[in-house]
Amino acid sequence: MIPAEPTGPGVPAGPGLPPVEPGLPGQTAPPPDAELAELAGAGLETGEEAAPVPDPEVAEAVLAPVASSAVGTPLLTVEDLRTYLATGHGVVRAVDGVSFSLAQAEVLGIVGESGCGKSVTCRTIMGLVPKSLGHSNGRVIYHPRGEGSLLDASQNQWQALRGSQLAMIFQDPMTALNPVLTVGEQLLEAVNAHAKLTRAEAQARAVELLRRVGIPAPQRRMRDYPFQFSGGMLQRALIAIALASSPRLLLADEPTTSLDVIIQDQILSLLLELQQDTGMSMILVSHDLAVITEVCDRIIVMYAGQVVEQGRAATIITEPRHPYTRALLGALPQAGHQGELPSIPGHPPSLIDPPAGCRFAPRCPLVTDKCLTWETELLDAGGDGHLARCWRHEEVARQGPAQQGTEVQ
């Protein structure tokens, strides 16, 4: 289990601090419908001072486009990444030979069941796996920095990179912020981390960031504590913190997991709008394939610590070449479906002692004896970067896309 996220530029404070009890003098928790009221554009409260008109230069600098580079040129390359974690039960091969690339201004989705290695992959890229807990090898190349691997970066180099070049949004907005500091204090820390601004300039920039991510009355909300924000508003605040220094790469680790469906759609729309406005690249992690297909250019499907399929989003959805991808598509609920929802039989293997051969073999309807001993590798499954870790991928293609809401045979 990975400990709480470390604090620092572009990395909100993690869980582990004592909770703040609601009801402290002068503090009022939001009513149950506060989220919808805020999103409806509730006006200033009685007696609240009017927020100053943002300086046009400050507003323009808040989400300025990232440094210009040709769209499609590589920004990040991950080569044979492996992260092994020490536990009381043995060594967990959380990430086991993951390779992929990310282009400038591209949105890449990583999808898979819980425990397949999605989050650990992102934390390894961000240098957030403590050396006392795990060991990583392979290469993570952030091309604007040069051809050296981020895995070899010093702590000082990481401090310079996090926030200004790479930022991450963690999956639980309710525990990702420090409960004893106001949202404004935590946002100002991120704003000042990589820019030399006066106090007034930093304050104006922080208020404009909150306004830009859709938080009403941002001047007042700067003074509020995290418990006074609803879940959706907290996630918006975390997005503002992550974007405070205009990073070139944003890693969003299941940013909609604990939110209801309406707020999920709003957060996804906000992330996509910000990505298009700034031209930054983004890695979006989710266990929900429907969410991934809405916003991503390319998709990586992970299973048991490995990439089992990757390619263009439209290709993965309409022409899956791995039985696991096809099973995920078949398990998506469909409007009008009645009866028991379909699921994938069995469960993922232990990553302490993964099976030989294909790790999906115990759950695969196409399994043969060869699958149990095959030294798996990603094979070309139709060109245009479409790869699948299955030697029977042509048979999967002949079956066609799985019908959503039906059992996968």
Protein backbone atom coordinates (compact mmCIF):
# COMPACT_ATOMS: atom_id res chain seq x y z
CA MET A 1 0.00 0.00 0.00
CA ILE A 2 1.40 3.39 -0.99
CA PRO A 3 1.57 6.00 1.79
CA ALA A 4 -0.08 9.41 1.63
CA GLU A 5 0.89 11.63 -1.26
CA PRO A 6 3.75 14.01 -0.43
CA THR A 7 3.09 17.71 -0.52
CA GLY A 8 4.87 20.11 -2.80
CA PRO A 9 4.43 22.16 -5.96
CA GLY A 10 1.67 20.68 -8.07
CA VAL A 11 1.07 17.92 -5.48
CA PRO A 12 -1.73 18.66 -2.99
CA ALA A 13 -1.21 17.62 0.62
CA GLY A 14 -2.13 13.99 1.16
CA PRO A 15 -4.28 12.25 3.76
CA GLY A 16 -3.05 11.36 7.19
CA LEU A 17 -3.62 14.64 9.02
CA PRO A 18 -6.16 14.80 11.85
CA PRO A 19 -9.70 15.47 10.62
CA VAL A 20 -11.37 18.79 11.26
CA GLU A 21 -14.66 18.43 13.07
CA PRO A 22 -17.53 20.32 11.43
CA GLY A 23 -19.19 22.97 13.47
CA LEU A 24 -16.17 25.00 14.61
CA PRO A 25 -17.03 28.60 15.53
CA GLY A 26 -17.59 30.70 12.46
CA GLN A 27 -17.61 27.68 10.12
CA THR A 28 -20.67 26.30 8.40
CA ALA A 29 -20.76 23.04 6.48
CA PRO A 30 -22.50 23.21 3.09
CA PRO A 31 -26.08 21.94 2.89
CA PRO A 32 -26.69 18.67 0.99
CA ASP A 33 -27.66 20.51 -2.18
CA ALA A 34 -24.82 23.02 -1.98
CA GLU A 35 -23.13 21.60 -5.06
CA LEU A 36 -26.08 22.22 -7.35
CA ALA A 37 -26.65 25.65 -5.82
CA GLU A 38 -23.03 26.61 -6.42
CA LEU A 39 -23.07 25.29 -9.98
CA ALA A 40 -26.24 27.23 -10.64
CA GLY A 41 -24.19 30.37 -10.14
CA ALA A 42 -25.31 31.45 -6.70
CA GLY A 43 -24.54 35.13 -6.20
CA LEU A 44 -22.53 36.80 -3.45
CA GLU A 45 -23.84 36.41 0.06
CA THR A 46 -25.18 39.37 2.00
CA GLY A 47 -22.36 41.52 3.24
CA GLU A 48 -19.70 39.92 1.04
CA GLU A 49 -17.34 42.28 -0.67
CA ALA A 50 -17.40 42.31 -4.44
CA ALA A 51 -14.49 40.48 -6.02
CA PRO A 52 -12.09 42.78 -7.84
CA VAL A 53 -12.15 42.78 -11.62
CA PRO A 54 -9.26 40.52 -12.68
CA ASP A 55 -6.27 42.19 -14.28
CA PRO A 56 -6.41 41.14 -17.96
CA GLU A 57 -2.70 40.26 -17.86
CA VAL A 58 -3.22 38.06 -14.78
CA ALA A 59 -6.25 36.37 -16.32
CA GLU A 60 -4.32 35.71 -19.52
CA ALA A 61 -1.34 34.27 -17.63
CA VAL A 62 -3.40 31.94 -15.45
CA LEU A 63 -3.98 29.33 -18.12
CA ALA A 64 -1.58 30.50 -20.78
CA PRO A 65 -0.82 27.97 -23.52
CA VAL A 66 2.17 25.77 -22.78
CA ALA A 67 5.42 26.34 -24.63
CA SER A 68 4.77 25.86 -28.32
CA SER A 69 5.85 22.59 -29.85
CA ALA A 70 4.61 20.74 -32.87
CA VAL A 71 1.49 18.77 -32.04
CA GLY A 72 2.24 15.06 -32.36
CA THR A 73 5.90 15.25 -31.34
CA PRO A 74 6.79 13.07 -28.34
CA LEU A 75 6.47 14.64 -24.88
CA LEU A 76 6.81 11.54 -22.70
CA THR A 77 8.19 8.07 -23.41
CA VAL A 78 7.89 5.17 -20.96
CA GLU A 79 10.07 2.15 -21.68
CA ASP A 80 9.78 -1.21 -19.91
CA LEU A 81 8.68 0.40 -16.64
CA ARG A 82 8.63 -1.91 -13.64
CA THR A 83 7.65 -0.99 -10.09
CA TYR A 84 7.83 -3.68 -7.43
CA LEU A 85 6.43 -3.00 -3.95
CA ALA A 86 7.57 -4.74 -0.75
CA THR A 87 4.74 -5.98 1.48
CA GLY A 88 4.42 -8.31 4.43
CA HIS A 89 3.17 -11.04 2.10
CA GLY A 90 5.85 -10.69 -0.54
CA VAL A 91 6.93 -8.49 -3.44
CA VAL A 92 4.03 -7.12 -5.51
CA ARG A 93 4.78 -6.66 -9.20
CA ALA A 94 2.44 -3.68 -9.45
CA VAL A 95 3.82 -2.47 -12.79
CA ASP A 96 5.53 -5.12 -14.88
CA GLY A 97 7.03 -4.04 -18.20
CA VAL A 98 4.81 -1.11 -19.20
CA SER A 99 5.78 0.87 -22.33
CA PHE A 100 3.97 3.70 -24.09
CA SER A 101 4.47 7.20 -25.46
CA LEU A 102 2.54 10.44 -25.17
CA ALA A 103 2.57 13.19 -27.80
CA GLN A 104 2.26 16.95 -27.38
CA ALA A 105 -1.36 18.02 -26.75
CA GLU A 106 -2.54 14.38 -26.68
CA VAL A 107 -5.02 12.89 -24.21
CA LEU A 108 -4.13 9.31 -23.29
CA GLY A 109 -6.50 7.09 -21.32
CA ILE A 110 -5.40 4.23 -19.08
CA VAL A 111 -8.20 1.83 -18.21
CA GLY A 112 -8.47 -1.43 -16.29
CA GLU A 113 -9.88 -3.07 -13.18
CA SER A 114 -8.88 -1.89 -9.72
CA GLY A 115 -5.43 -3.18 -8.81
CA CYS A 116 -4.15 -3.52 -12.38
CA GLY A 117 -1.35 -0.95 -11.89
CA LYS A 118 -2.86 2.23 -13.34
CA SER A 119 -2.28 4.48 -10.33
CA VAL A 120 1.15 3.04 -9.54
CA THR A 121 2.22 3.75 -13.12
CA CYS A 122 1.27 7.42 -12.70
CA ARG A 123 2.90 7.71 -9.28
CA THR A 124 6.09 6.21 -10.66
CA ILE A 125 6.12 8.73 -13.52
CA MET A 126 5.70 11.53 -10.93
CA GLY A 127 8.42 10.10 -8.67
CA LEU A 128 5.96 9.50 -5.83
CA VAL A 129 6.81 5.90 -4.97
CA PRO A 130 9.07 6.06 -1.87
CA LYS A 131 12.31 4.14 -2.29
CA SER A 132 11.76 2.62 1.14
CA LEU A 133 8.55 1.00 -0.15
CA GLY A 134 9.27 0.04 -3.73
CA HIS A 135 11.85 -0.26 -6.47
CA SER A 136 11.41 1.03 -10.02
CA ASN A 137 13.46 0.45 -13.13
CA GLY A 138 13.09 1.03 -16.84
CA ARG A 139 13.06 4.49 -18.41
CA VAL A 140 10.68 7.45 -18.10
CA ILE A 141 11.84 10.11 -20.57
CA TYR A 142 10.32 13.59 -20.37
CA HIS A 143 11.65 14.94 -23.66
CA PRO A 144 11.74 18.70 -22.87
CA ARG A 145 14.22 17.79 -20.09
CA GLY A 146 16.44 15.74 -22.38
CA GLU A 147 16.90 12.03 -22.96
CA GLY A 148 17.76 11.11 -19.38
CA SER A 149 15.29 9.07 -17.34
CA LEU A 150 13.19 10.73 -14.66
CA LEU A 151 13.85 7.69 -12.51
CA ASP A 152 17.41 9.00 -12.08
CA ALA A 153 16.36 12.56 -11.16
CA SER A 154 17.49 14.00 -7.82
CA GLN A 155 15.08 15.38 -5.24
CA ASN A 156 15.99 18.95 -6.23
CA GLN A 157 15.33 18.17 -9.88
CA TRP A 158 11.95 16.70 -8.97
CA GLN A 159 11.03 19.80 -6.99
CA ALA A 160 11.75 21.91 -10.06
CA LEU A 161 9.71 19.61 -12.33
CA ARG A 162 6.60 18.98 -10.21
CA GLY A 163 4.03 21.67 -10.73
CA SER A 164 5.91 23.61 -13.39
CA GLN A 165 6.20 20.75 -15.91
CA LEU A 166 4.27 17.80 -14.50
CA ALA A 167 1.26 17.85 -12.18
CA MET A 168 -1.14 15.25 -10.83
CA ILE A 169 -4.73 15.19 -9.62
CA PHE A 170 -5.39 12.43 -7.08
CA GLN A 171 -8.53 10.35 -7.04
CA ASP A 172 -10.11 11.25 -3.67
CA PRO A 173 -10.85 14.98 -3.41
CA MET A 174 -12.18 14.58 0.13
CA THR A 175 -8.75 13.63 1.53
CA ALA A 176 -6.30 15.21 -0.92
CA LEU A 177 -6.16 18.63 0.78
CA ASN A 178 -4.81 19.62 4.20
CA PRO A 179 -7.90 20.06 6.42
CA VAL A 180 -6.28 22.65 8.74
CA LEU A 181 -5.33 25.11 5.97
CA THR A 182 -7.74 27.14 3.87
CA VAL A 183 -8.14 26.29 0.22
CA GLY A 184 -6.66 29.68 -0.60
CA GLU A 185 -3.49 29.04 1.43
CA GLN A 186 -2.92 25.75 -0.38
CA LEU A 187 -3.59 27.29 -3.78
CA LEU A 188 -1.23 30.20 -3.06
CA GLU A 189 1.52 27.73 -2.13
CA ALA A 190 1.23 26.19 -5.60
CA VAL A 191 1.03 29.60 -7.31
CA ASN A 192 4.18 30.87 -5.57
CA ALA A 193 6.18 27.67 -5.99
CA HIS A 194 7.53 28.46 -9.45
CA ALA A 195 6.80 32.19 -9.94
CA LYS A 196 8.13 35.34 -8.33
CA LEU A 197 4.95 37.30 -7.70
CA THR A 198 3.99 40.01 -5.26
CA ARG A 199 1.39 39.13 -2.66
CA ALA A 200 -1.31 41.00 -4.58
CA GLU A 201 -0.35 39.36 -7.88
CA ALA A 202 -0.39 35.88 -6.33
CA GLN A 203 -3.78 36.56 -4.71
CA ALA A 204 -5.24 37.80 -8.00
CA ARG A 205 -3.88 34.78 -9.87
CA ALA A 206 -5.28 32.34 -7.29
CA VAL A 207 -8.74 33.96 -7.41
CA GLU A 208 -8.69 33.85 -11.21
CA LEU A 209 -7.74 30.15 -11.15
CA LEU A 210 -10.74 29.34 -8.95
CA ARG A 211 -12.98 31.38 -11.22
CA ARG A 212 -11.58 29.63 -14.28
CA VAL A 213 -12.38 26.16 -12.94
CA GLY A 214 -15.97 27.19 -12.23
CA ILE A 215 -16.03 27.96 -8.49
CA PRO A 216 -18.58 30.74 -7.78
CA ALA A 217 -17.59 33.66 -5.52
CA PRO A 218 -13.89 32.71 -5.67
CA GLN A 219 -12.80 35.65 -3.48
CA ARG A 220 -14.86 34.30 -0.58
CA ARG A 221 -14.08 30.63 -1.17
CA MET A 222 -10.36 31.36 -0.85
CA ARG A 223 -11.00 31.77 2.88
CA ASP A 224 -12.94 28.53 3.28
CA TYR A 225 -11.57 25.23 4.57
CA PRO A 226 -11.80 21.99 2.57
CA PHE A 227 -14.68 20.61 4.65
CA GLN A 228 -16.77 23.60 3.59
CA PHE A 229 -16.52 22.51 -0.05
CA SER A 230 -18.69 19.82 -1.62
CA GLY A 231 -16.98 16.93 -3.43
CA GLY A 232 -17.29 18.46 -6.88
CA MET A 233 -16.02 21.85 -5.71
CA LEU A 234 -13.05 20.17 -3.99
CA GLN A 235 -12.15 18.44 -7.22
CA ARG A 236 -12.32 21.78 -9.03
CA ALA A 237 -10.01 23.29 -6.40
CA LEU A 238 -7.55 20.41 -6.91
CA ILE A 239 -7.60 21.05 -10.65
CA ALA A 240 -6.83 24.72 -9.99
CA ILE A 241 -3.88 23.75 -7.76
CA ALA A 242 -2.54 21.32 -10.36
CA LEU A 243 -2.73 23.96 -13.10
CA ALA A 244 -1.30 26.80 -10.99
CA SER A 245 2.05 26.79 -12.82
CA SER A 246 0.74 25.82 -16.28
CA PRO A 247 2.25 22.30 -16.48
CA ARG A 248 2.87 20.67 -19.84
CA LEU A 249 1.67 17.27 -18.62
CA LEU A 250 -1.27 16.59 -16.31
CA LEU A 251 -1.89 13.14 -14.81
CA ALA A 252 -5.49 12.75 -13.62
CA ASP A 253 -5.86 9.64 -11.46
CA GLU A 254 -9.56 8.72 -11.51
CA PRO A 255 -10.67 12.34 -10.96
CA THR A 256 -14.39 11.45 -11.03
CA THR A 257 -14.42 8.30 -8.87
CA SER A 258 -16.27 9.62 -5.80
CA LEU A 259 -18.59 12.02 -7.63
CA ASP A 260 -22.14 11.53 -8.84
CA VAL A 261 -22.85 11.13 -12.54
CA ILE A 262 -23.84 14.75 -13.21
CA ILE A 263 -20.74 16.16 -11.49
CA GLN A 264 -18.56 13.53 -13.24
CA ASP A 265 -19.66 14.86 -16.61
CA GLN A 266 -18.98 18.46 -15.53
CA ILE A 267 -15.47 17.62 -14.28
CA LEU A 268 -14.62 15.71 -17.47
CA SER A 269 -15.90 18.58 -19.61
CA LEU A 270 -13.84 21.03 -17.56
CA LEU A 271 -10.65 18.97 -17.91
CA LEU A 272 -11.11 18.60 -21.65
CA GLU A 273 -11.83 22.33 -22.05
CA LEU A 274 -8.72 23.27 -20.07
CA GLN A 275 -6.61 20.81 -22.05
CA GLN A 276 -7.79 22.27 -25.33
CA ASP A 277 -7.29 25.86 -24.12
CA THR A 278 -3.73 25.31 -22.89
CA GLY A 279 -2.50 22.63 -25.31
CA MET A 280 -1.11 20.53 -22.47
CA SER A 281 -0.91 16.74 -22.66
CA MET A 282 -2.98 14.65 -20.28
CA ILE A 283 -3.04 11.09 -18.97
CA LEU A 284 -6.51 10.19 -17.70
CA VAL A 285 -6.78 7.10 -15.49
CA SER A 286 -10.09 5.32 -14.92
CA HIS A 287 -11.64 1.93 -14.37
CA ASP A 288 -14.62 3.11 -16.43
CA LEU A 289 -14.14 2.50 -20.14
CA ALA A 290 -17.15 4.67 -20.97
CA VAL A 291 -15.49 7.67 -19.29
CA ILE A 292 -12.19 7.06 -21.11
CA THR A 293 -13.79 6.87 -24.55
CA GLU A 294 -15.46 10.28 -24.10
CA VAL A 295 -12.29 12.36 -23.93
CA CYS A 296 -9.20 10.38 -25.00
CA ASP A 297 -7.32 10.25 -28.29
CA ARG A 298 -5.64 6.93 -27.50
CA ILE A 299 -6.33 4.19 -24.95
CA ILE A 300 -4.11 1.81 -23.00
CA VAL A 301 -5.81 -1.22 -21.45
CA MET A 302 -3.98 -2.64 -18.43
CA TYR A 303 -4.44 -6.00 -16.73
CA ALA A 304 -2.42 -7.48 -13.84
CA GLY A 305 0.37 -4.90 -14.11
CA GLN A 306 0.80 -5.19 -17.90
CA VAL A 307 -0.45 -3.39 -20.99
CA VAL A 308 -2.66 -5.86 -22.85
CA GLU A 309 -3.87 -3.56 -25.64
CA GLN A 310 -3.26 -0.03 -26.88
CA GLY A 311 -4.32 2.02 -29.87
CA ARG A 312 -6.55 4.81 -31.11
CA ALA A 313 -9.68 5.24 -29.00
CA ALA A 314 -12.08 4.63 -31.91
CA THR A 315 -10.14 1.50 -32.92
CA ILE A 316 -10.09 0.02 -29.42
CA ILE A 317 -13.86 0.50 -29.05
CA THR A 318 -14.91 -0.81 -32.46
CA GLU A 319 -12.16 -3.37 -33.16
CA PRO A 320 -10.88 -4.80 -29.85
CA ARG A 321 -8.10 -7.35 -30.35
CA HIS A 322 -7.68 -8.67 -26.80
CA PRO A 323 -10.31 -10.84 -25.05
CA TYR A 324 -10.05 -8.69 -21.91
CA THR A 325 -10.81 -5.48 -23.80
CA ARG A 326 -13.74 -7.18 -25.50
CA ALA A 327 -14.99 -8.42 -22.12
CA LEU A 328 -14.78 -4.88 -20.67
CA LEU A 329 -16.84 -3.55 -23.56
CA GLY A 330 -19.39 -6.32 -23.10
CA ALA A 331 -19.74 -5.45 -19.42
CA LEU A 332 -20.74 -1.84 -20.11
CA PRO A 333 -24.40 -1.33 -19.15
CA GLN A 334 -26.78 -0.35 -21.90
CA ALA A 335 -29.95 1.71 -21.66
CA GLY A 336 -32.99 -0.53 -21.62
CA HIS A 337 -31.07 -3.63 -20.48
CA GLN A 338 -33.05 -5.78 -18.07
CA GLY A 339 -31.90 -8.52 -15.78
CA GLU A 340 -28.54 -9.19 -14.20
CA LEU A 341 -25.70 -6.99 -15.35
CA PRO A 342 -22.95 -8.92 -17.16
CA SER A 343 -19.53 -9.32 -15.59
CA ILE A 344 -16.20 -10.95 -16.32
CA PRO A 345 -16.01 -14.32 -14.54
CA GLY A 346 -13.18 -15.01 -12.11
CA HIS A 347 -10.82 -12.47 -10.62
CA PRO A 348 -7.41 -10.96 -11.44
CA PRO A 349 -4.36 -13.00 -10.41
CA SER A 350 -2.14 -12.23 -7.45
CA LEU A 351 0.69 -9.92 -8.44
CA ILE A 352 2.91 -11.47 -5.78
CA ASP A 353 3.00 -14.72 -7.72
CA PRO A 354 1.53 -14.06 -11.19
CA PRO A 355 0.88 -17.08 -13.41
CA ALA A 356 3.15 -18.03 -16.28
CA GLY A 357 2.02 -17.21 -19.79
CA CYS A 358 -0.98 -14.96 -20.35
CA ARG A 359 -2.23 -13.50 -17.08
CA PHE A 360 -5.80 -13.32 -18.40
CA ALA A 361 -5.83 -17.02 -19.37
CA PRO A 362 -7.82 -18.27 -16.31
CA ARG A 363 -10.70 -15.94 -17.28
CA CYS A 364 -10.40 -16.08 -21.07
CA PRO A 365 -13.00 -17.84 -23.26
CA LEU A 366 -10.35 -18.42 -25.97
CA VAL A 367 -7.70 -19.98 -23.72
CA THR A 368 -5.57 -22.87 -25.08
CA ASP A 369 -2.62 -24.80 -23.68
CA LYS A 370 -0.24 -22.46 -25.52
CA CYS A 371 -1.66 -19.46 -23.61
CA LEU A 372 -0.47 -20.98 -20.32
CA THR A 373 3.18 -21.06 -21.40
CA TRP A 374 3.43 -18.35 -24.07
CA GLU A 375 6.04 -15.66 -23.36
CA THR A 376 3.63 -12.79 -23.83
CA GLU A 377 4.46 -9.71 -25.88
CA LEU A 378 2.57 -6.91 -27.56
CA LEU A 379 1.89 -7.87 -31.17
CA ASP A 380 0.90 -5.69 -34.12
CA ALA A 381 -2.87 -5.99 -34.35
CA GLY A 382 -3.70 -4.01 -37.45
CA GLY A 383 -1.30 -1.12 -37.82
CA ASP A 384 -1.56 2.54 -36.75
CA GLY A 385 -0.04 1.68 -33.39
CA HIS A 386 -2.71 -0.89 -32.50
CA LEU A 387 -1.03 -3.55 -30.32
CA ALA A 388 -2.44 -6.51 -28.41
CA ARG A 389 -0.88 -8.99 -25.96
CA CYS A 390 -2.65 -11.99 -27.46
CA TRP A 391 -1.43 -14.44 -30.08
CA ARG A 392 -5.07 -15.13 -31.05
CA HIS A 393 -5.90 -11.46 -31.70
CA GLU A 394 -7.09 -12.23 -35.25
CA GLU A 395 -9.73 -14.60 -33.87
CA VAL A 396 -10.83 -11.90 -31.42
CA ALA A 397 -11.21 -9.55 -34.39
CA ARG A 398 -13.36 -12.04 -36.27
CA GLN A 399 -15.76 -12.14 -33.32
CA GLY A 400 -16.39 -8.43 -33.80
CA PRO A 401 -17.03 -5.87 -31.05
CA ALA A 402 -18.81 -7.17 -27.97
CA GLN A 403 -22.43 -6.09 -27.65
CA GLN A 404 -22.76 -3.85 -24.63
CA GLY A 405 -24.95 -5.30 -21.92
CA THR A 406 -24.51 -8.93 -23.04
CA GLU A 407 -22.39 -11.76 -21.79
CA VAL A 408 -19.05 -12.17 -23.57
CA GLN A 409 -18.60 -15.67 -24.98
